Amino acid sequence: MVNERSWQEFRDSGLFWLINTFLHTFGWAIVIDVDDNGIAKSAYPARVKFRGFTEKINTEGYEKVSAYMLENAEELLKESKE
């Protein structure tokens, strides 16, 4: 099953932050260019020098991922058994 989603939904879920947290370990990140309205124009992998995020961004990321898991746990479990 493949169900295309928007970059905005990916960002709102906290998964974008989570993936970039992992990628920072290797000096990589996924970059999303957005227009003035916050709509994604393009996305690409990039080499980066920075590692990690601020405490504030990390806290927000953990909250978003936790909320995503809570809201989607039943569906994710069901899908994993199919």
Protein backbone atom coordinates (compact mmCIF):
# COMPACT_ATOMS: atom_id res chain seq x y z
CA MET A 1 0.00 0.00 0.00
CA VAL A 2 1.22 3.46 -0.88
CA ASN A 3 -0.78 6.47 0.22
CA GLU A 4 0.82 9.77 -0.80
CA ARG A 5 0.81 12.45 1.89
CA SER A 6 1.84 16.10 1.88
CA TRP A 7 5.12 17.43 3.19
CA GLN A 8 3.07 19.57 5.56
CA GLU A 9 1.45 16.51 7.13
CA PHE A 10 4.88 14.89 7.45
CA ARG A 11 6.19 18.02 9.18
CA ASP A 12 3.13 18.37 11.43
CA SER A 13 3.44 14.75 12.60
CA GLY A 14 6.96 15.36 13.90
CA LEU A 15 8.34 12.63 11.66
CA PHE A 16 10.30 15.14 9.56
CA TRP A 17 12.08 16.32 12.72
CA LEU A 18 12.64 12.73 13.86
CA ILE A 19 14.19 11.64 10.56
CA ASN A 20 16.42 14.71 10.42
CA THR A 21 17.52 14.07 14.01
CA PHE A 22 18.79 10.67 12.86
CA LEU A 23 20.30 12.00 9.63
CA HIS A 24 22.23 14.71 11.52
CA THR A 25 24.35 11.92 13.04
CA PHE A 26 25.83 11.38 9.58
CA GLY A 27 25.95 15.04 8.55
CA TRP A 28 22.85 14.81 6.37
CA ALA A 29 19.37 16.32 6.40
CA ILE A 30 16.27 16.48 4.27
CA VAL A 31 15.56 20.08 3.32
CA ILE A 32 12.10 21.31 2.35
CA ASP A 33 11.93 24.64 0.54
CA VAL A 34 8.62 26.37 1.22
CA ASP A 35 7.01 29.41 -0.38
CA ASP A 36 5.72 32.46 1.49
CA ASN A 37 2.51 30.55 2.31
CA GLY A 38 4.38 27.61 3.83
CA ILE A 39 3.65 25.32 0.86
CA ALA A 40 6.47 22.94 -0.07
CA LYS A 41 8.10 23.83 -3.39
CA SER A 42 10.82 21.19 -3.36
CA ALA A 43 12.60 18.73 -1.11
CA TYR A 44 16.09 17.32 -1.33
CA PRO A 45 18.80 15.61 0.74
CA ALA A 46 21.70 17.81 1.79
CA ARG A 47 25.02 17.56 3.58
CA VAL A 48 25.03 19.74 6.70
CA LYS A 49 27.61 20.77 9.30
CA PHE A 50 25.21 21.16 12.22
CA ARG A 51 24.26 18.30 14.51
CA GLY A 52 20.95 18.25 16.31
CA PHE A 53 18.37 20.85 17.22
CA THR A 54 17.73 23.23 20.08
CA GLU A 55 16.04 22.02 23.25
CA LYS A 56 12.88 23.91 22.28
CA ILE A 57 12.70 22.28 18.83
CA ASN A 58 13.44 18.84 20.32
CA THR A 59 10.69 19.25 22.90
CA GLU A 60 8.20 20.26 20.20
CA GLY A 61 9.34 17.32 18.07
CA TYR A 62 8.88 14.78 20.86
CA GLU A 63 5.42 16.20 21.59
CA LYS A 64 4.38 15.97 17.93
CA VAL A 65 5.66 12.41 17.50
CA SER A 66 4.01 11.32 20.76
CA ALA A 67 0.69 12.83 19.65
CA TYR A 68 1.02 11.16 16.25
CA MET A 69 1.64 7.77 17.86
CA LEU A 70 -1.30 8.21 20.22
CA GLU A 71 -3.66 9.23 17.42
CA ASN A 72 -2.53 6.50 15.01
CA ALA A 73 -1.59 3.56 17.26
CA GLU A 74 -4.58 1.36 16.44
CA GLU A 75 -4.25 1.85 12.70
CA LEU A 76 -0.48 1.27 12.78
CA LEU A 77 -0.93 -1.95 14.76
CA LYS A 78 -3.65 -3.14 12.38
CA GLU A 79 -1.50 -2.40 9.33
CA SER A 80 1.47 -4.22 10.82
CA LYS A 81 -0.61 -7.38 11.12
CA GLU A 82 -1.93 -7.34 7.55
